[in-house]
Amino acid sequence: MDSFPTITFKSTKVTPGEHATLTVDGNLTIRSITKPVMLSGNFVGAGPVDIGGRSAGYRAGFEASTTIDRKDFNVLWNKVLDQGGTMLGDDVGITLGIEAVKSEPEKAGAMAPAGKKSDKN
């Protein structure tokens, strides 16, 4: 697995549904094989978040899931059990917990990020 350390998903379309549900179509890449997949999702909520009296910004939460066939991505390893059958099934459930953070525009007089000069310098 060291030769394929990353799994990526790139969305191509988001379709809102009823009661805070959504469908996300996109391309999933595992072991350098890319296949189209559809995620079923839910909007969990959004709002300002404070931690210990300090603002952590405005955040939104989503959950999404799908099931893939591992063999479609050339994940073939398996082991036959002594009692018969195999150790792994072909279906793999994928569940995502997603937190989005709203970025704020730089405020006048705010300190510039490290390595970036402010217009005031």
PDB file of N, CA and C in Angstrom:
ATOM      1  N   MET A   1       0.821  -1.197   0.000  1.00  0.00           N
ATOM      2  CA  MET A   1       0.000   0.000   0.000  1.00  0.00           C
ATOM      3  C   MET A   1       0.864   1.260   0.000  1.00  0.00           C
ATOM      4  N   ASP A   2       2.167   1.106   0.323  1.00  0.00           N
ATOM      5  CA  ASP A   2       3.048   2.271   0.350  1.00  0.00           C
ATOM      6  C   ASP A   2       3.154   2.952  -1.002  1.00  0.00           C
ATOM      7  N   SER A   3       2.974   2.205  -2.082  1.00  0.00           N
ATOM      8  CA  SER A   3       3.099   2.805  -3.407  1.00  0.00           C
ATOM      9  C   SER A   3       1.843   3.578  -3.807  1.00  0.00           C
ATOM     10  N   PHE A   4       0.758   3.465  -3.041  1.00  0.00           N
ATOM     11  CA  PHE A   4      -0.479   4.204  -3.303  1.00  0.00           C
ATOM     12  C   PHE A   4      -1.009   4.785  -1.988  1.00  0.00           C
ATOM     13  N   PRO A   5      -0.310   5.768  -1.415  1.00  0.00           N
ATOM     14  CA  PRO A   5      -0.677   6.248  -0.075  1.00  0.00           C
ATOM     15  C   PRO A   5      -1.902   7.163  -0.024  1.00  0.00           C
ATOM     16  N   THR A   6      -2.425   7.584  -1.175  1.00  0.00           N
ATOM     17  CA  THR A   6      -3.497   8.579  -1.177  1.00  0.00           C
ATOM     18  C   THR A   6      -4.715   8.099  -1.942  1.00  0.00           C
ATOM     19  N   ILE A   7      -5.876   8.366  -1.360  1.00  0.00           N
ATOM     20  CA  ILE A   7      -7.161   8.172  -2.030  1.00  0.00           C
ATOM     21  C   ILE A   7      -7.736   9.565  -2.234  1.00  0.00           C
ATOM     22  N   THR A   8      -8.198   9.895  -3.443  1.00  0.00           N
ATOM     23  CA  THR A   8      -8.761  11.219  -3.684  1.00  0.00           C
ATOM     24  C   THR A   8     -10.180  11.125  -4.232  1.00  0.00           C
ATOM     25  N   PHE A   9     -10.963  12.148  -3.929  1.00  0.00           N
ATOM     26  CA  PHE A   9     -12.309  12.291  -4.473  1.00  0.00           C
ATOM     27  C   PHE A   9     -12.445  13.720  -4.962  1.00  0.00           C
ATOM     28  N   LYS A  10     -12.876  13.896  -6.205  1.00  0.00           N
ATOM     29  CA  LYS A  10     -13.114  15.223  -6.770  1.00  0.00           C
ATOM     30  C   LYS A  10     -14.565  15.286  -7.214  1.00  0.00           C
ATOM     31  N   SER A  11     -15.310  16.175  -6.584  1.00  0.00           N
ATOM     32  CA  SER A  11     -16.729  16.287  -6.927  1.00  0.00           C
ATOM     33  C   SER A  11     -16.914  16.943  -8.287  1.00  0.00           C
ATOM     34  N   THR A  12     -17.956  16.511  -8.985  1.00  0.00           N
ATOM     35  CA  THR A  12     -18.291  17.081 -10.290  1.00  0.00           C
ATOM     36  C   THR A  12     -19.669  17.733 -10.276  1.00  0.00           C
ATOM     37  N   LYS A  13     -20.493  17.353  -9.290  1.00  0.00           N
ATOM     38  CA  LYS A  13     -21.856  17.893  -9.229  1.00  0.00           C
ATOM     39  C   LYS A  13     -22.432  17.644  -7.839  1.00  0.00           C
ATOM     40  N   VAL A  14     -23.098  18.664  -7.290  1.00  0.00           N
ATOM     41  CA  VAL A  14     -23.808  18.537  -6.017  1.00  0.00           C
ATOM     42  C   VAL A  14     -25.274  18.863  -6.280  1.00  0.00           C
ATOM     43  N   THR A  15     -26.160  17.934  -5.905  1.00  0.00           N
ATOM     44  CA  THR A  15     -27.590  18.118  -6.133  1.00  0.00           C
ATOM     45  C   THR A  15     -28.311  18.127  -4.793  1.00  0.00           C
ATOM     46  N   PRO A  16     -28.906  19.268  -4.410  1.00  0.00           N
ATOM     47  CA  PRO A  16     -29.662  19.311  -3.153  1.00  0.00           C
ATOM     48  C   PRO A  16     -30.920  18.453  -3.258  1.00  0.00           C
ATOM     49  N   GLY A  17     -31.291  17.821  -2.150  1.00  0.00           N
ATOM     50  CA  GLY A  17     -32.507  17.023  -2.088  1.00  0.00           C
ATOM     51  C   GLY A  17     -33.435  17.580  -1.017  1.00  0.00           C
ATOM     52  N   GLU A  18     -34.371  16.768  -0.604  1.00  0.00           N
ATOM     53  CA  GLU A  18     -35.319  17.179   0.427  1.00  0.00           C
ATOM     54  C   GLU A  18     -34.751  16.943   1.822  1.00  0.00           C
ATOM     55  N   HIS A  19     -35.208  17.747   2.786  1.00  0.00           N
ATOM     56  CA  HIS A  19     -34.883  17.569   4.204  1.00  0.00           C
ATOM     57  C   HIS A  19     -33.381  17.536   4.469  1.00  0.00           C
ATOM     58  N   ALA A  20     -32.653  18.484   3.932  1.00  0.00           N
ATOM     59  CA  ALA A  20     -31.209  18.666   4.157  1.00  0.00           C
ATOM     60  C   ALA A  20     -30.361  17.535   3.587  1.00  0.00           C
ATOM     61  N   THR A  21     -30.885  16.783   2.609  1.00  0.00           N
ATOM     62  CA  THR A  21     -30.071  15.745   1.970  1.00  0.00           C
ATOM     63  C   THR A  21     -29.443  16.299   0.702  1.00  0.00           C
ATOM     64  N   LEU A  22     -28.419  15.629   0.223  1.00  0.00           N
ATOM     65  CA  LEU A  22     -27.783  16.024  -1.025  1.00  0.00           C
ATOM     66  C   LEU A  22     -27.115  14.816  -1.647  1.00  0.00           C
ATOM     67  N   THR A  23     -26.902  14.898  -2.941  1.00  0.00           N
ATOM     68  CA  THR A  23     -26.185  13.873  -3.686  1.00  0.00           C
ATOM     69  C   THR A  23     -24.948  14.530  -4.278  1.00  0.00           C
ATOM     70  N   VAL A  24     -23.810  13.882  -4.103  1.00  0.00           N
ATOM     71  CA  VAL A  24     -22.552  14.414  -4.635  1.00  0.00           C
ATOM     72  C   VAL A  24     -21.995  13.395  -5.623  1.00  0.00           C
ATOM     73  N   ASP A  25     -21.924  13.786  -6.889  1.00  0.00           N
ATOM     74  CA  ASP A  25     -21.301  12.960  -7.914  1.00  0.00           C
ATOM     75  C   ASP A  25     -19.846  13.388  -8.044  1.00  0.00           C
ATOM     76  N   GLY A  26     -18.983  12.425  -8.336  1.00  0.00           N
ATOM     77  CA  GLY A  26     -17.585  12.778  -8.509  1.00  0.00           C
ATOM     78  C   GLY A  26     -16.754  11.589  -8.933  1.00  0.00           C
ATOM     79  N   ASN A  27     -15.448  11.800  -8.925  1.00  0.00           N
ATOM     80  CA  ASN A  27     -14.491  10.776  -9.345  1.00  0.00           C
ATOM     81  C   ASN A  27     -13.621  10.373  -8.165  1.00  0.00           C
ATOM     82  N   LEU A  28     -13.628   9.074  -7.867  1.00  0.00           N
ATOM     83  CA  LEU A  28     -12.836   8.517  -6.784  1.00  0.00           C
ATOM     84  C   LEU A  28     -11.620   7.820  -7.388  1.00  0.00           C
ATOM     85  N   THR A  29     -10.431   8.144  -6.853  1.00  0.00           N
ATOM     86  CA  THR A  29      -9.194   7.532  -7.332  1.00  0.00           C
ATOM     87  C   THR A  29      -8.556   6.737  -6.202  1.00  0.00           C
ATOM     88  N   ILE A  30      -8.387   5.434  -6.454  1.00  0.00           N
ATOM     89  CA  ILE A  30      -7.709   4.531  -5.528  1.00  0.00           C
ATOM     90  C   ILE A  30      -6.738   3.713  -6.364  1.00  0.00           C
ATOM     91  N   ARG A  31      -5.475   3.624  -5.920  1.00  0.00           N
ATOM     92  CA  ARG A  31      -4.437   2.845  -6.632  1.00  0.00           C
ATOM     93  C   ARG A  31      -4.301   3.294  -8.091  1.00  0.00           C
ATOM     94  N   SER A  32      -4.384   4.590  -8.330  1.00  0.00           N
ATOM     95  CA  SER A  32      -4.260   5.201  -9.663  1.00  0.00           C
ATOM     96  C   SER A  32      -5.387   4.808 -10.614  1.00  0.00           C
ATOM     97  N   ILE A  33      -6.477   4.264 -10.093  1.00  0.00           N
ATOM     98  CA  ILE A  33      -7.657   3.928 -10.898  1.00  0.00           C
ATOM     99  C   ILE A  33      -8.774   4.886 -10.498  1.00  0.00           C
ATOM    100  N   THR A  34      -9.340   5.571 -11.484  1.00  0.00           N
ATOM    101  CA  THR A  34     -10.398   6.551 -11.233  1.00  0.00           C
ATOM    102  C   THR A  34     -11.718   6.032 -11.769  1.00  0.00           C
ATOM    103  N   LYS A  35     -12.737   6.069 -10.904  1.00  0.00           N
ATOM    104  CA  LYS A  35     -14.081   5.624 -11.266  1.00  0.00           C
ATOM    105  C   LYS A  35     -15.088   6.661 -10.772  1.00  0.00           C
ATOM    106  N   PRO A  36     -16.195   6.842 -11.505  1.00  0.00           N
ATOM    107  CA  PRO A  36     -17.241   7.744 -11.018  1.00  0.00           C
ATOM    108  C   PRO A  36     -17.990   7.088  -9.859  1.00  0.00           C
ATOM    109  N   VAL A  37     -18.304   7.871  -8.831  1.00  0.00           N
ATOM    110  CA  VAL A  37     -19.095   7.393  -7.703  1.00  0.00           C
ATOM    111  C   VAL A  37     -20.126   8.457  -7.319  1.00  0.00           C
ATOM    112  N   MET A  38     -21.142   8.027  -6.594  1.00  0.00           N
ATOM    113  CA  MET A  38     -22.159   8.944  -6.094  1.00  0.00           C
ATOM    114  C   MET A  38     -22.235   8.796  -4.581  1.00  0.00           C
ATOM    115  N   LEU A  39     -22.100   9.906  -3.871  1.00  0.00           N
ATOM    116  CA  LEU A  39     -22.209   9.934  -2.423  1.00  0.00           C
ATOM    117  C   LEU A  39     -23.595  10.427  -2.036  1.00  0.00           C
ATOM    118  N   SER A  40     -24.193   9.797  -1.029  1.00  0.00           N
ATOM    119  CA  SER A  40     -25.437  10.280  -0.455  1.00  0.00           C
ATOM    120  C   SER A  40     -25.070  11.053   0.799  1.00  0.00           C
ATOM    121  N   GLY A  41     -25.552  12.285   0.913  1.00  0.00           N
ATOM    122  CA  GLY A  41     -25.121  13.121   2.023  1.00  0.00           C
ATOM    123  C   GLY A  41     -26.241  13.817   2.759  1.00  0.00           C
ATOM    124  N   ASN A  42     -25.855  14.395   3.897  1.00  0.00           N
ATOM    125  CA  ASN A  42     -26.749  15.188   4.729  1.00  0.00           C
ATOM    126  C   ASN A  42     -26.031  16.440   5.180  1.00  0.00           C
ATOM    127  N   PHE A  43     -26.766  17.550   5.206  1.00  0.00           N
ATOM    128  CA  PHE A  43     -26.281  18.783   5.807  1.00  0.00           C
ATOM    129  C   PHE A  43     -26.570  18.665   7.297  1.00  0.00           C
ATOM    130  N   VAL A  44     -25.533  18.743   8.138  1.00  0.00           N
ATOM    131  CA  VAL A  44     -25.687  18.565   9.575  1.00  0.00           C
ATOM    132  C   VAL A  44     -26.060  19.873  10.258  1.00  0.00           C
ATOM    133  N   GLY A  45     -25.464  20.979   9.817  1.00  0.00           N
ATOM    134  CA  GLY A  45     -25.761  22.275  10.419  1.00  0.00           C
ATOM    135  C   GLY A  45     -24.649  23.267  10.148  1.00  0.00           C
ATOM    136  N   ALA A  46     -24.915  24.523  10.502  1.00  0.00           N
ATOM    137  CA  ALA A  46     -23.921  25.580  10.287  1.00  0.00           C
ATOM    138  C   ALA A  46     -24.137  26.703  11.288  1.00  0.00           C
ATOM    139  N   GLY A  47     -23.061  27.421  11.565  1.00  0.00           N
ATOM    140  CA  GLY A  47     -23.169  28.573  12.444  1.00  0.00           C
ATOM    141  C   GLY A  47     -21.828  28.960  13.009  1.00  0.00           C
ATOM    142  N   PRO A  48     -21.811  30.065  13.771  1.00  0.00           N
ATOM    143  CA  PRO A  48     -20.569  30.492  14.403  1.00  0.00           C
ATOM    144  C   PRO A  48     -20.197  29.523  15.532  1.00  0.00           C
ATOM    145  N   VAL A  49     -18.899  29.277  15.694  1.00  0.00           N
ATOM    146  CA  VAL A  49     -18.420  28.369  16.726  1.00  0.00           C
ATOM    147  C   VAL A  49     -17.479  29.135  17.642  1.00  0.00           C
ATOM    148  N   ASP A  50     -17.712  29.021  18.946  1.00  0.00           N
ATOM    149  CA  ASP A  50     -16.838  29.621  19.953  1.00  0.00           C
ATOM    150  C   ASP A  50     -16.243  28.505  20.806  1.00  0.00           C
ATOM    151  N   ILE A  51     -14.944  28.581  21.040  1.00  0.00           N
ATOM    152  CA  ILE A  51     -14.263  27.611  21.892  1.00  0.00           C
ATOM    153  C   ILE A  51     -13.553  28.389  22.987  1.00  0.00           C
ATOM    154  N   GLY A  52     -13.964  28.169  24.218  1.00  0.00           N
ATOM    155  CA  GLY A  52     -13.338  28.863  25.352  1.00  0.00           C
ATOM    156  C   GLY A  52     -13.489  30.369  25.265  1.00  0.00           C
ATOM    157  N   GLY A  53     -14.604  30.843  24.730  1.00  0.00           N
ATOM    158  CA  GLY A  53     -14.840  32.274  24.613  1.00  0.00           C
ATOM    159  C   GLY A  53     -14.167  32.932  23.423  1.00  0.00           C
ATOM    160  N   ARG A  54     -13.462  32.150  22.612  1.00  0.00           N
ATOM    161  CA  ARG A  54     -12.794  32.693  21.420  1.00  0.00           C
ATOM    162  C   ARG A  54     -13.476  32.148  20.179  1.00  0.00           C
ATOM    163  N   SER A  55     -13.658  33.002  19.207  1.00  0.00           N
ATOM    164  CA  SER A  55     -14.318  32.598  17.971  1.00  0.00           C
ATOM    165  C   SER A  55     -13.451  31.637  17.178  1.00  0.00           C
ATOM    166  N   ALA A  56     -14.077  30.549  16.734  1.00  0.00           N
ATOM    167  CA  ALA A  56     -13.395  29.591  15.853  1.00  0.00           C
ATOM    168  C   ALA A  56     -13.946  29.722  14.441  1.00  0.00           C
ATOM    169  N   GLY A  57     -14.667  30.806  14.174  1.00  0.00           N
ATOM    170  CA  GLY A  57     -15.179  31.068  12.840  1.00  0.00           C
ATOM    171  C   GLY A  57     -16.555  30.479  12.595  1.00  0.00           C
ATOM    172  N   TYR A  58     -16.996  30.621  11.374  1.00  0.00           N
ATOM    173  CA  TYR A  58     -18.288  30.112  10.938  1.00  0.00           C
ATOM    174  C   TYR A  58     -18.048  28.781  10.248  1.00  0.00           C
ATOM    175  N   ARG A  59     -18.737  27.739  10.684  1.00  0.00           N
ATOM    176  CA  ARG A  59     -18.475  26.396  10.183  1.00  0.00           C
ATOM    177  C   ARG A  59     -19.763  25.707   9.765  1.00  0.00           C
ATOM    178  N   ALA A  60     -19.625  24.783   8.816  1.00  0.00           N
ATOM    179  CA  ALA A  60     -20.760  23.974   8.367  1.00  0.00           C
ATOM    180  C   ALA A  60     -20.335  22.510   8.383  1.00  0.00           C
ATOM    181  N   GLY A  61     -21.276  21.629   8.721  1.00  0.00           N
ATOM    182  CA  GLY A  61     -20.968  20.211   8.785  1.00  0.00           C
ATOM    183  C   GLY A  61     -21.814  19.407   7.810  1.00  0.00           C
ATOM    184  N   PHE A  62     -21.203  18.384   7.239  1.00  0.00           N
ATOM    185  CA  PHE A  62     -21.856  17.492   6.286  1.00  0.00           C
ATOM    186  C   PHE A  62     -21.405  16.060   6.574  1.00  0.00           C
ATOM    187  N   GLU A  63     -22.257  15.108   6.253  1.00  0.00           N
ATOM    188  CA  GLU A  63     -21.899  13.697   6.287  1.00  0.00           C
ATOM    189  C   GLU A  63     -22.249  13.122   4.927  1.00  0.00           C
ATOM    190  N   ALA A  64     -21.441  12.177   4.458  1.00  0.00           N
ATOM    191  CA  ALA A  64     -21.713  11.551   3.165  1.00  0.00           C
ATOM    192  C   ALA A  64     -21.199  10.119   3.184  1.00  0.00           C
ATOM    193  N   SER A  65     -21.829   9.252   2.379  1.00  0.00           N
ATOM    194  CA  SER A  65     -21.388   7.860   2.330  1.00  0.00           C
ATOM    195  C   SER A  65     -21.683   7.243   0.968  1.00  0.00           C
ATOM    196  N   THR A  66     -20.955   6.173   0.685  1.00  0.00           N
ATOM    197  CA  THR A  66     -21.151   5.396  -0.527  1.00  0.00           C
ATOM    198  C   THR A  66     -20.592   4.000  -0.295  1.00  0.00           C
ATOM    199  N   THR A  67     -20.879   3.089  -1.182  1.00  0.00           N
ATOM    200  CA  THR A  67     -20.319   1.744  -1.150  1.00  0.00           C
ATOM    201  C   THR A  67     -19.691   1.473  -2.516  1.00  0.00           C
ATOM    202  N   ILE A  68     -18.470   0.939  -2.488  1.00  0.00           N
ATOM    203  CA  ILE A  68     -17.771   0.604  -3.733  1.00  0.00           C
ATOM    204  C   ILE A  68     -17.403  -0.873  -3.724  1.00  0.00           C
ATOM    205  N   ASP A  69     -17.089  -1.393  -4.885  1.00  0.00           N
ATOM    206  CA  ASP A  69     -16.549  -2.749  -5.018  1.00  0.00           C
ATOM    207  C   ASP A  69     -15.029  -2.605  -5.063  1.00  0.00           C
ATOM    208  N   ARG A  70     -14.344  -3.147  -4.081  1.00  0.00           N
ATOM    209  CA  ARG A  70     -12.883  -2.980  -3.984  1.00  0.00           C
ATOM    210  C   ARG A  70     -12.159  -3.514  -5.213  1.00  0.00           C
ATOM    211  N   LYS A  71     -12.730  -4.510  -5.874  1.00  0.00           N
ATOM    212  CA  LYS A  71     -12.090  -5.092  -7.051  1.00  0.00           C
ATOM    213  C   LYS A  71     -12.090  -4.123  -8.236  1.00  0.00           C
ATOM    214  N   ASP A  72     -13.026  -3.168  -8.259  1.00  0.00           N
ATOM    215  CA  ASP A  72     -13.035  -2.151  -9.312  1.00  0.00           C
ATOM    216  C   ASP A  72     -11.775  -1.286  -9.263  1.00  0.00           C
ATOM    217  N   PHE A  73     -11.122  -1.242  -8.086  1.00  0.00           N
ATOM    218  CA  PHE A  73      -9.929  -0.429  -7.899  1.00  0.00           C
ATOM    219  C   PHE A  73      -8.678  -1.310  -7.726  1.00  0.00           C
ATOM    220  N   ASN A  74      -8.780  -2.548  -8.188  1.00  0.00           N
ATOM    221  CA  ASN A  74      -7.663  -3.489  -8.173  1.00  0.00           C
ATOM    222  C   ASN A  74      -7.140  -3.783  -6.759  1.00  0.00           C
ATOM    223  N   VAL A  75      -8.049  -3.770  -5.775  1.00  0.00           N
ATOM    224  CA  VAL A  75      -7.713  -4.187  -4.417  1.00  0.00           C
ATOM    225  C   VAL A  75      -8.155  -5.650  -4.340  1.00  0.00           C
ATOM    226  N   LEU A  76      -7.213  -6.557  -4.581  1.00  0.00           N
ATOM    227  CA  LEU A  76      -7.549  -7.953  -4.807  1.00  0.00           C
ATOM    228  C   LEU A  76      -7.184  -8.901  -3.670  1.00  0.00           C
ATOM    229  N   TRP A  77      -6.332  -8.472  -2.732  1.00  0.00           N
ATOM    230  CA  TRP A  77      -5.881  -9.375  -1.677  1.00  0.00           C
ATOM    231  C   TRP A  77      -7.074  -9.937  -0.919  1.00  0.00           C
ATOM    232  N   ASN A  78      -6.985 -11.208  -0.552  1.00  0.00           N
ATOM    233  CA  ASN A  78      -7.988 -11.852   0.277  1.00  0.00           C
ATOM    234  C   ASN A  78      -7.362 -13.106   0.850  1.00  0.00           C
ATOM    235  N   LYS A  79      -8.020 -13.718   1.801  1.00  0.00           N
ATOM    236  CA  LYS A  79      -7.505 -14.944   2.411  1.00  0.00           C
ATOM    237  C   LYS A  79      -8.667 -15.908   2.605  1.00  0.00           C
ATOM    238  N   VAL A  80      -8.457 -17.144   2.238  1.00  0.00           N
ATOM    239  CA  VAL A  80      -9.457 -18.183   2.439  1.00  0.00           C
ATOM    240  C   VAL A  80      -9.395 -18.611   3.907  1.00  0.00           C
ATOM    241  N   LEU A  81     -10.541 -18.685   4.565  1.00  0.00           N
ATOM    242  CA  LEU A  81     -10.612 -19.067   5.971  1.00  0.00           C
ATOM    243  C   LEU A  81     -10.651 -20.589   6.111  1.00  0.00           C
ATOM    244  N   ASP A  82     -10.168 -21.090   7.246  1.00  0.00           N
ATOM    245  CA  ASP A  82     -10.138 -22.533   7.500  1.00  0.00           C
ATOM    246  C   ASP A  82     -11.538 -23.146   7.427  1.00  0.00           C
ATOM    247  N   GLN A  83     -12.553 -22.405   7.862  1.00  0.00           N
ATOM    248  CA  GLN A  83     -13.919 -22.913   7.877  1.00  0.00           C
ATOM    249  C   GLN A  83     -14.616 -22.724   6.527  1.00  0.00           C
ATOM    250  N   GLY A  84     -13.921 -22.198   5.557  1.00  0.00           N
ATOM    251  CA  GLY A  84     -14.496 -21.902   4.244  1.00  0.00           C
ATOM    252  C   GLY A  84     -14.833 -20.428   4.138  1.00  0.00           C
ATOM    253  N   GLY A  85     -15.033 -19.961   2.952  1.00  0.00           N
ATOM    254  CA  GLY A  85     -15.301 -18.539   2.732  1.00  0.00           C
ATOM    255  C   GLY A  85     -14.019 -17.740   2.708  1.00  0.00           C
ATOM    256  N   THR A  86     -14.161 -16.424   2.589  1.00  0.00           N
ATOM    257  CA  THR A  86     -12.995 -15.543   2.535  1.00  0.00           C
ATOM    258  C   THR A  86     -13.058 -14.503   3.640  1.00  0.00           C
ATOM    259  N   MET A  87     -11.915 -13.941   3.944  1.00  0.00           N
ATOM    260  CA  MET A  87     -11.807 -12.960   5.018  1.00  0.00           C
ATOM    261  C   MET A  87     -12.497 -11.648   4.660  1.00  0.00           C
ATOM    262  N   LEU A  88     -12.357 -11.196   3.408  1.00  0.00           N
ATOM    263  CA  LEU A  88     -12.887  -9.903   2.998  1.00  0.00           C
ATOM    264  C   LEU A  88     -14.034 -10.055   2.003  1.00  0.00           C
ATOM    265  N   GLY A  89     -15.041  -9.214   2.161  1.00  0.00           N
ATOM    266  CA  GLY A  89     -16.083  -9.118   1.157  1.00  0.00           C
ATOM    267  C   GLY A  89     -15.648  -8.149   0.070  1.00  0.00           C
ATOM    268  N   ASP A  90     -16.390  -8.082  -0.998  1.00  0.00           N
ATOM    269  CA  ASP A  90     -16.038  -7.181  -2.094  1.00  0.00           C
ATOM    270  C   ASP A  90     -16.525  -5.758  -1.865  1.00  0.00           C
ATOM    271  N   ASP A  91     -17.640  -5.592  -1.135  1.00  0.00           N
ATOM    272  CA  ASP A  91     -18.197  -4.261  -0.899  1.00  0.00           C
ATOM    273  C   ASP A  91     -17.465  -3.557   0.241  1.00  0.00           C
ATOM    274  N   VAL A  92     -17.109  -2.289   0.007  1.00  0.00           N
ATOM    275  CA  VAL A  92     -16.435  -1.469   1.009  1.00  0.00           C
ATOM    276  C   VAL A  92     -17.272  -0.218   1.222  1.00  0.00           C
ATOM    277  N   GLY A  93     -17.695   0.006   2.470  1.00  0.00           N
ATOM    278  CA  GLY A  93     -18.438   1.214   2.807  1.00  0.00           C
ATOM    279  C   GLY A  93     -17.482   2.352   3.107  1.00  0.00           C
ATOM    280  N   ILE A  94     -17.765   3.519   2.549  1.00  0.00           N
ATOM    281  CA  ILE A  94     -16.957   4.716   2.784  1.00  0.00           C
ATOM    282  C   ILE A  94     -17.878   5.757   3.414  1.00  0.00           C
ATOM    283  N   THR A  95     -17.482   6.273   4.574  1.00  0.00           N
ATOM    284  CA  THR A  95     -18.258   7.297   5.268  1.00  0.00           C
ATOM    285  C   THR A  95     -17.363   8.492   5.539  1.00  0.00           C
ATOM    286  N   LEU A  96     -17.852   9.687   5.201  1.00  0.00           N
ATOM    287  CA  LEU A  96     -17.087  10.920   5.378  1.00  0.00           C
ATOM    288  C   LEU A  96     -17.787  11.850   6.360  1.00  0.00           C
ATOM    289  N   GLY A  97     -17.010  12.455   7.229  1.00  0.00           N
ATOM    290  CA  GLY A  97     -17.464  13.564   8.062  1.00  0.00           C
ATOM    291  C   GLY A  97     -16.730  14.797   7.581  1.00  0.00           C
ATOM    292  N   ILE A  98     -17.463  15.808   7.154  1.00  0.00           N
ATOM    293  CA  ILE A  98     -16.850  16.967   6.502  1.00  0.00           C
ATOM    294  C   ILE A  98     -17.167  18.225   7.283  1.00  0.00           C
ATOM    295  N   GLU A  99     -16.144  19.017   7.566  1.00  0.00           N
ATOM    296  CA  GLU A  99     -16.322  20.309   8.218  1.00  0.00           C
ATOM    297  C   GLU A  99     -15.766  21.388   7.309  1.00  0.00           C
ATOM    298  N   ALA A 100     -16.617  22.334   6.954  1.00  0.00           N
ATOM    299  CA  ALA A 100     -16.191  23.443   6.099  1.00  0.00           C
ATOM    300  C   ALA A 100     -16.083  24.701   6.949  1.00  0.00           C
ATOM    301  N   VAL A 101     -15.035  25.485   6.717  1.00  0.00           N
ATOM    302  CA  VAL A 101     -14.810  26.709   7.464  1.00  0.00           C
ATOM    303  C   VAL A 101     -14.873  27.885   6.503  1.00  0.00           C
ATOM    304  N   LYS A 102     -15.734  28.850   6.812  1.00  0.00           N
ATOM    305  CA  LYS A 102     -15.858  30.043   5.983  1.00  0.00           C
ATOM    306  C   LYS A 102     -14.642  30.927   6.223  1.00  0.00           C
ATOM    307  N   SER A 103     -13.928  31.258   5.139  1.00  0.00           N
ATOM    308  CA  SER A 103     -12.772  32.135   5.289  1.00  0.00           C
ATOM    309  C   SER A 103     -13.242  33.575   5.334  1.00  0.00           C
ATOM    310  N   GLU A 104     -12.541  34.357   6.127  1.00  0.00           N
ATOM    311  CA  GLU A 104     -12.881  35.774   6.249  1.00  0.00           C
ATOM    312  C   GLU A 104     -11.876  36.594   5.464  1.00  0.00           C
ATOM    313  N   PRO A 105     -12.351  37.640   4.777  1.00  0.00           N
ATOM    314  CA  PRO A 105     -11.395  38.505   4.066  1.00  0.00           C
ATOM    315  C   PRO A 105     -10.468  39.168   5.077  1.00  0.00           C
ATOM    316  N   GLU A 106      -9.235  39.443   4.626  1.00  0.00           N
ATOM    317  CA  GLU A 106      -8.284  40.105   5.521  1.00  0.00           C
ATOM    318  C   GLU A 106      -8.841  41.450   5.949  1.00  0.00           C
ATOM    319  N   LYS A 107      -8.748  41.709   7.248  1.00  0.00           N
ATOM    320  CA  LYS A 107      -9.251  42.970   7.801  1.00  0.00           C
ATOM    321  C   LYS A 107      -8.155  44.024   7.733  1.00  0.00           C
ATOM    322  N   ALA A 108      -8.553  45.271   7.532  1.00  0.00           N
ATOM    323  CA  ALA A 108      -7.594  46.373   7.484  1.00  0.00           C
ATOM    324  C   ALA A 108      -6.835  46.423   8.804  1.00  0.00           C
ATOM    325  N   GLY A 109      -5.517  46.490   8.724  1.00  0.00           N
ATOM    326  CA  GLY A 109      -4.700  46.584   9.922  1.00  0.00           C
ATOM    327  C   GLY A 109      -4.395  45.232  10.539  1.00  0.00           C
ATOM    328  N   ALA A 110      -4.948  44.167   9.978  1.00  0.00           N
ATOM    329  CA  ALA A 110      -4.684  42.832  10.521  1.00  0.00           C
ATOM    330  C   ALA A 110      -3.264  42.421  10.190  1.00  0.00           C
ATOM    331  N   MET A 111      -2.711  41.575  11.015  1.00  0.00           N
ATOM    332  CA  MET A 111      -1.355  41.097  10.809  1.00  0.00           C
ATOM    333  C   MET A 111      -1.318  40.171   9.598  1.00  0.00           C
ATOM    334  N   ALA A 112      -0.353  40.359   8.709  1.00  0.00           N
ATOM    335  CA  ALA A 112      -0.217  39.520   7.512  1.00  0.00           C
ATOM    336  C   ALA A 112       0.304  38.149   7.908  1.00  0.00           C
ATOM    337  N   PRO A 113      -0.124  37.084   7.213  1.00  0.00           N
ATOM    338  CA  PRO A 113       0.401  35.741   7.500  1.00  0.00           C
ATOM    339  C   PRO A 113       1.916  35.698   7.330  1.00  0.00           C
ATOM    340  N   ALA A 114       2.573  34.774   8.015  1.00  0.00           N
ATOM    341  CA  ALA A 114       4.027  34.628   7.933  1.00  0.00           C
ATOM    342  C   ALA A 114       4.455  34.499   6.482  1.00  0.00           C
ATOM    343  N   GLY A 115       5.493  35.204   6.130  1.00  0.00           N
ATOM    344  CA  GLY A 115       6.024  35.112   4.771  1.00  0.00           C
ATOM    345  C   GLY A 115       5.316  36.019   3.779  1.00  0.00           C
ATOM    346  N   LYS A 116       4.290  36.748   4.206  1.00  0.00           N
ATOM    347  CA  LYS A 116       3.548  37.623   3.326  1.00  0.00           C
ATOM    348  C   LYS A 116       3.610  39.039   3.881  1.00  0.00           C
ATOM    349  N   LYS A 117       3.998  39.989   3.050  1.00  0.00           N
ATOM    350  CA  LYS A 117       4.111  41.363   3.499  1.00  0.00           C
ATOM    351  C   LYS A 117       2.789  42.084   3.368  1.00  0.00           C
ATOM    352  N   SER A 118       2.487  42.885   4.340  1.00  0.00           N
ATOM    353  CA  SER A 118       1.286  43.696   4.331  1.00  0.00           C
ATOM    354  C   SER A 118       1.498  44.882   3.404  1.00  0.00           C
ATOM    355  N   ASP A 119       0.403  45.457   2.877  1.00  0.00           N
ATOM    356  CA  ASP A 119       0.509  46.649   2.035  1.00  0.00           C
ATOM    357  C   ASP A 119       1.051  47.844   2.798  1.00  0.00           C
ATOM    358  N   LYS A 120       1.011  47.766   4.143  1.00  0.00           N
ATOM    359  CA  LYS A 120       1.459  48.893   4.965  1.00  0.00           C
ATOM    360  C   LYS A 120       2.980  48.902   5.147  1.00  0.00           C
ATOM    361  N   ASN A 121       3.697  47.858   4.741  1.00  0.00           N
ATOM    362  CA  ASN A 121       5.160  47.795   4.914  1.00  0.00           C
ATOM    363  C   ASN A 121       5.853  48.537   3.809  1.00  0.00           C
TER     364      ASN A 121
END
